[in-house]
Amino acid sequence: MNNLVLITSIINTPNTHLSYSKTRSVFTREERFQQTKKTIQSIKGKIPNHTIMIVECTDFTEEEKDYFENECDYVLNLWERKELHPNIFGISKSLGEGTMTIKALKYINKRKFQFNNLFKICGRYWLNDDFDYNTYNNDKLVFKKIDGNINNIFTSFYKITYDDLYVLLEFLINSEGSMKHLIGYEVLFAYYLKYIKYNKVSFIDKIGYEGSVTVCGSKYIG
């Protein structure tokens, strides 16, 4: 199967707070850059037949620009879209992530990318030795419940199919009002899965995924 991997990333975060945290990121720009390099290299090592696209919102240095253009197949940098900055850099985590995902999915749809699976991964996290590609090598939408809760869906990594791209895009566009009102992105995706009536959804317990939580630096392995 052909696999399109979408990385959502902000290398240079502003010194502004989120609705749930006064600290947006405990990591420096350079640390975030190095962590995202690890994201990309893990994709290359773990997901076969991959095409990598990164969506960013950073005024790249030459080093950053050169690295992403060399290591990724597509780079969508929204930095010049100043009208998007209030959404991406605002207090709503879901509106920031949602806005970047909407723009990426529109880009993919407009250019008629051909793929079977679309993996979405947050930059700075990486696939580890517990990752099993065979879990995703199917026509299912693959998600993880947080602590087994169907109303709280892990959104840092998931897989959808080509046929569901427009469904997710339409859902996110229609949910912008909820994002502006600070709905949790994990809760929003629970509504998304209910919206599609769990059709072709496969829930997994272990992703094979790790990294450091941006607001506190604690380690996540799951």
Protein backbone atom coordinates (compact mmCIF):
# COMPACT_ATOMS: atom_id res chain seq x y z
CA MET A 1 0.00 0.00 0.00
CA ASN A 2 1.05 3.61 -0.60
CA ASN A 3 1.32 5.58 2.62
CA LEU A 4 1.10 9.36 2.93
CA VAL A 5 2.44 10.54 6.29
CA LEU A 6 1.36 14.00 7.44
CA ILE A 7 3.45 15.68 10.14
CA THR A 8 1.90 18.64 11.98
CA SER A 9 4.69 20.74 13.43
CA ILE A 10 5.67 24.11 14.84
CA ILE A 11 9.42 24.37 15.33
CA ASN A 12 9.40 27.91 16.70
CA THR A 13 6.54 28.32 19.18
CA PRO A 14 5.55 31.78 20.43
CA ASN A 15 5.89 32.64 24.09
CA THR A 16 2.15 32.61 24.66
CA HIS A 17 -0.07 30.47 26.85
CA LEU A 18 -2.66 27.82 26.06
CA SER A 19 -6.07 27.58 27.68
CA TYR A 20 -4.82 24.79 29.94
CA SER A 21 -1.17 25.77 30.42
CA LYS A 22 0.79 28.98 31.00
CA THR A 23 3.75 27.27 29.33
CA ARG A 24 3.35 26.51 25.64
CA SER A 25 6.61 24.61 25.26
CA VAL A 26 9.47 23.81 27.62
CA PHE A 27 11.69 23.05 24.63
CA THR A 28 13.83 25.48 22.68
CA ARG A 29 13.54 25.97 18.94
CA GLU A 30 16.68 23.89 18.38
CA GLU A 31 15.43 21.08 20.62
CA ARG A 32 12.12 20.99 18.75
CA PHE A 33 13.98 20.91 15.44
CA GLN A 34 16.12 17.97 16.55
CA GLN A 35 13.05 16.13 17.88
CA THR A 36 11.23 16.60 14.57
CA LYS A 37 14.24 15.23 12.71
CA LYS A 38 13.77 12.10 14.80
CA THR A 39 10.09 12.03 13.78
CA ILE A 40 11.04 12.01 10.10
CA GLN A 41 13.77 9.41 10.42
CA SER A 42 11.46 7.07 12.36
CA ILE A 43 8.85 7.33 9.59
CA LYS A 44 11.47 6.41 7.02
CA GLY A 45 12.52 3.42 9.09
CA LYS A 46 9.09 2.12 10.08
CA ILE A 47 6.55 2.92 7.34
CA PRO A 48 7.20 1.44 3.88
CA ASN A 49 6.16 3.03 0.57
CA HIS A 50 5.94 6.40 2.29
CA THR A 51 5.47 9.91 1.06
CA ILE A 52 6.15 12.51 3.76
CA MET A 53 4.41 15.86 4.01
CA ILE A 54 5.06 18.37 6.80
CA VAL A 55 2.75 21.28 7.59
CA GLU A 56 4.51 24.02 9.54
CA CYS A 57 4.07 27.59 10.71
CA THR A 58 7.60 28.87 11.30
CA ASP A 59 9.81 31.49 9.69
CA PHE A 60 12.44 28.91 8.77
CA THR A 61 16.17 29.43 9.06
CA GLU A 62 18.13 28.29 6.02
CA GLU A 63 19.18 25.15 7.90
CA GLU A 64 15.58 24.26 8.75
CA LYS A 65 14.32 25.03 5.26
CA ASP A 66 17.05 22.96 3.61
CA TYR A 67 16.52 20.02 5.94
CA PHE A 68 12.76 19.79 5.46
CA GLU A 69 12.92 20.30 1.71
CA ASN A 70 15.54 17.56 1.44
CA GLU A 71 13.97 15.07 3.84
CA CYS A 72 10.24 15.56 3.12
CA ASP A 73 8.44 15.15 -0.18
CA TYR A 74 6.14 18.12 0.45
CA VAL A 75 6.54 21.14 2.75
CA LEU A 76 3.53 23.34 3.44
CA ASN A 77 4.64 26.32 5.52
CA LEU A 78 1.76 28.54 6.62
CA TRP A 79 4.01 31.23 8.12
CA GLU A 80 3.18 33.81 5.45
CA ARG A 81 -0.54 33.26 6.02
CA LYS A 82 -0.66 35.88 8.78
CA GLU A 83 -4.45 35.70 8.96
CA LEU A 84 -4.06 32.13 10.29
CA HIS A 85 -1.72 33.07 13.14
CA PRO A 86 -4.50 33.91 15.65
CA ASN A 87 -5.91 30.41 15.14
CA ILE A 88 -2.60 28.55 15.09
CA PHE A 89 -0.95 30.46 17.93
CA GLY A 90 -4.04 31.18 20.03
CA ILE A 91 -5.09 29.67 23.36
CA SER A 92 -7.08 26.84 21.76
CA LYS A 93 -4.89 23.82 21.13
CA SER A 94 -7.65 22.19 19.07
CA LEU A 95 -8.06 25.27 16.86
CA GLY A 96 -4.33 25.37 16.20
CA GLU A 97 -4.06 21.69 15.35
CA GLY A 98 -7.37 21.73 13.50
CA THR A 99 -6.45 24.74 11.36
CA MET A 100 -3.15 23.20 10.30
CA THR A 101 -4.81 19.87 9.53
CA ILE A 102 -7.56 21.53 7.49
CA LYS A 103 -5.01 23.42 5.39
CA ALA A 104 -2.96 20.26 4.88
CA LEU A 105 -5.96 18.16 3.87
CA LYS A 106 -7.10 20.86 1.44
CA TYR A 107 -3.62 20.88 -0.08
CA ILE A 108 -3.67 17.09 -0.43
CA ASN A 109 -7.18 17.10 -1.90
CA LYS A 110 -6.50 19.93 -4.38
CA ARG A 111 -3.38 18.24 -5.72
CA LYS A 112 -5.11 14.86 -5.91
CA PHE A 113 -2.44 12.91 -4.07
CA GLN A 114 -2.71 9.17 -4.62
CA PHE A 115 -2.39 6.95 -1.54
CA ASN A 116 -4.11 4.16 0.36
CA ASN A 117 -3.38 5.23 3.93
CA LEU A 118 -2.91 8.63 5.49
CA PHE A 119 -0.97 8.59 8.74
CA LYS A 120 -1.02 11.73 10.86
CA ILE A 121 1.78 12.23 13.38
CA CYS A 122 2.72 15.16 15.58
CA GLY A 123 6.23 16.47 15.05
CA ARG A 124 8.67 15.79 17.92
CA TYR A 125 7.24 12.30 18.50
CA TRP A 126 8.61 9.19 16.84
CA LEU A 127 7.78 5.57 16.12
CA ASN A 128 9.72 3.12 18.29
CA ASP A 129 10.55 -0.57 18.10
CA ASP A 130 7.06 -1.53 19.31
CA PHE A 131 5.49 -0.04 16.18
CA ASP A 132 3.93 -2.78 14.04
CA TYR A 133 3.11 -1.61 10.53
CA ASN A 134 0.93 -4.70 9.97
CA THR A 135 -1.56 -3.23 12.45
CA TYR A 136 -2.20 -0.42 9.96
CA ASN A 137 -1.74 -2.23 6.66
CA ASN A 138 -5.47 -2.58 6.00
CA ASP A 139 -8.54 -0.64 4.88
CA LYS A 140 -9.47 0.36 8.45
CA LEU A 141 -9.34 3.72 10.18
CA VAL A 142 -7.01 3.12 13.12
CA PHE A 143 -7.26 5.06 16.38
CA LYS A 144 -6.39 4.68 20.05
CA LYS A 145 -8.74 5.43 22.94
CA ILE A 146 -7.16 7.31 25.85
CA ASP A 147 -7.40 5.07 28.94
CA GLY A 148 -9.97 2.97 27.07
CA ASN A 149 -12.44 5.88 26.94
CA ILE A 150 -14.47 6.01 23.71
CA ASN A 151 -15.13 9.71 24.40
CA ASN A 152 -11.43 10.60 24.53
CA ILE A 153 -9.44 9.75 21.39
CA PHE A 154 -5.67 9.97 21.00
CA THR A 155 -4.96 12.51 18.24
CA SER A 156 -1.17 12.65 18.19
CA PHE A 157 -1.06 9.64 15.87
CA TYR A 158 -3.80 7.98 13.83
CA LYS A 159 -4.49 6.51 10.40
CA ILE A 160 -7.34 7.13 7.99
CA THR A 161 -7.89 5.87 4.46
CA TYR A 162 -7.94 7.74 1.16
CA ASP A 163 -11.73 7.43 1.03
CA ASP A 164 -12.12 9.16 4.41
CA LEU A 165 -9.96 12.20 3.68
CA TYR A 166 -12.82 14.41 2.56
CA VAL A 167 -15.06 13.17 5.39
CA LEU A 168 -12.49 14.27 7.98
CA LEU A 169 -11.86 17.55 6.17
CA GLU A 170 -15.56 18.39 6.08
CA PHE A 171 -15.98 17.43 9.74
CA LEU A 172 -13.10 19.64 10.87
CA ILE A 173 -14.33 22.61 8.84
CA ASN A 174 -17.79 22.24 10.37
CA SER A 175 -16.24 22.01 13.85
CA GLU A 176 -14.27 25.28 13.78
CA GLY A 177 -16.84 26.93 16.06
CA SER A 178 -16.38 24.21 18.68
CA MET A 179 -12.60 24.57 18.44
CA LYS A 180 -12.86 28.32 19.02
CA HIS A 181 -14.87 27.52 22.14
CA LEU A 182 -11.96 25.41 23.41
CA ILE A 183 -13.29 21.91 22.91
CA GLY A 184 -10.54 19.38 23.54
CA TYR A 185 -9.19 17.96 20.29
CA GLU A 186 -9.38 14.48 21.80
CA VAL A 187 -13.06 15.00 22.60
CA LEU A 188 -13.70 16.43 19.14
CA PHE A 189 -12.30 13.30 17.52
CA ALA A 190 -14.61 11.20 19.65
CA TYR A 191 -17.47 13.08 17.98
CA TYR A 192 -15.83 12.48 14.60
CA LEU A 193 -15.79 8.72 15.14
CA LYS A 194 -19.44 8.83 16.25
CA TYR A 195 -20.18 10.95 13.16
CA ILE A 196 -18.90 8.18 10.91
CA LYS A 197 -20.71 5.65 13.13
CA TYR A 198 -17.48 3.75 13.80
CA ASN A 199 -17.65 2.49 10.24
CA LYS A 200 -14.41 0.62 9.49
CA VAL A 201 -12.74 1.89 12.69
CA SER A 202 -10.16 -0.32 14.40
CA PHE A 203 -9.11 0.61 17.94
CA ILE A 204 -5.65 -0.36 19.13
CA ASP A 205 -4.08 -0.42 22.59
CA LYS A 206 -0.43 0.14 21.66
CA ILE A 207 0.88 2.40 18.94
CA GLY A 208 4.63 2.01 19.33
CA TYR A 209 5.12 5.73 19.79
CA GLU A 210 7.03 8.02 22.12
CA GLY A 211 8.24 11.53 22.78
CA SER A 212 8.09 14.35 25.31
CA VAL A 213 4.98 16.36 26.21
CA THR A 214 5.55 19.93 25.09
CA VAL A 215 4.02 21.80 28.05
CA CYS A 216 5.91 19.92 30.77
CA GLY A 217 8.62 17.77 29.20
CA SER A 218 7.34 14.50 30.67
CA LYS A 219 7.96 11.34 28.69
CA TYR A 220 5.12 9.68 26.78
CA ILE A 221 5.29 6.07 25.59
CA GLY A 222 2.18 4.43 24.21
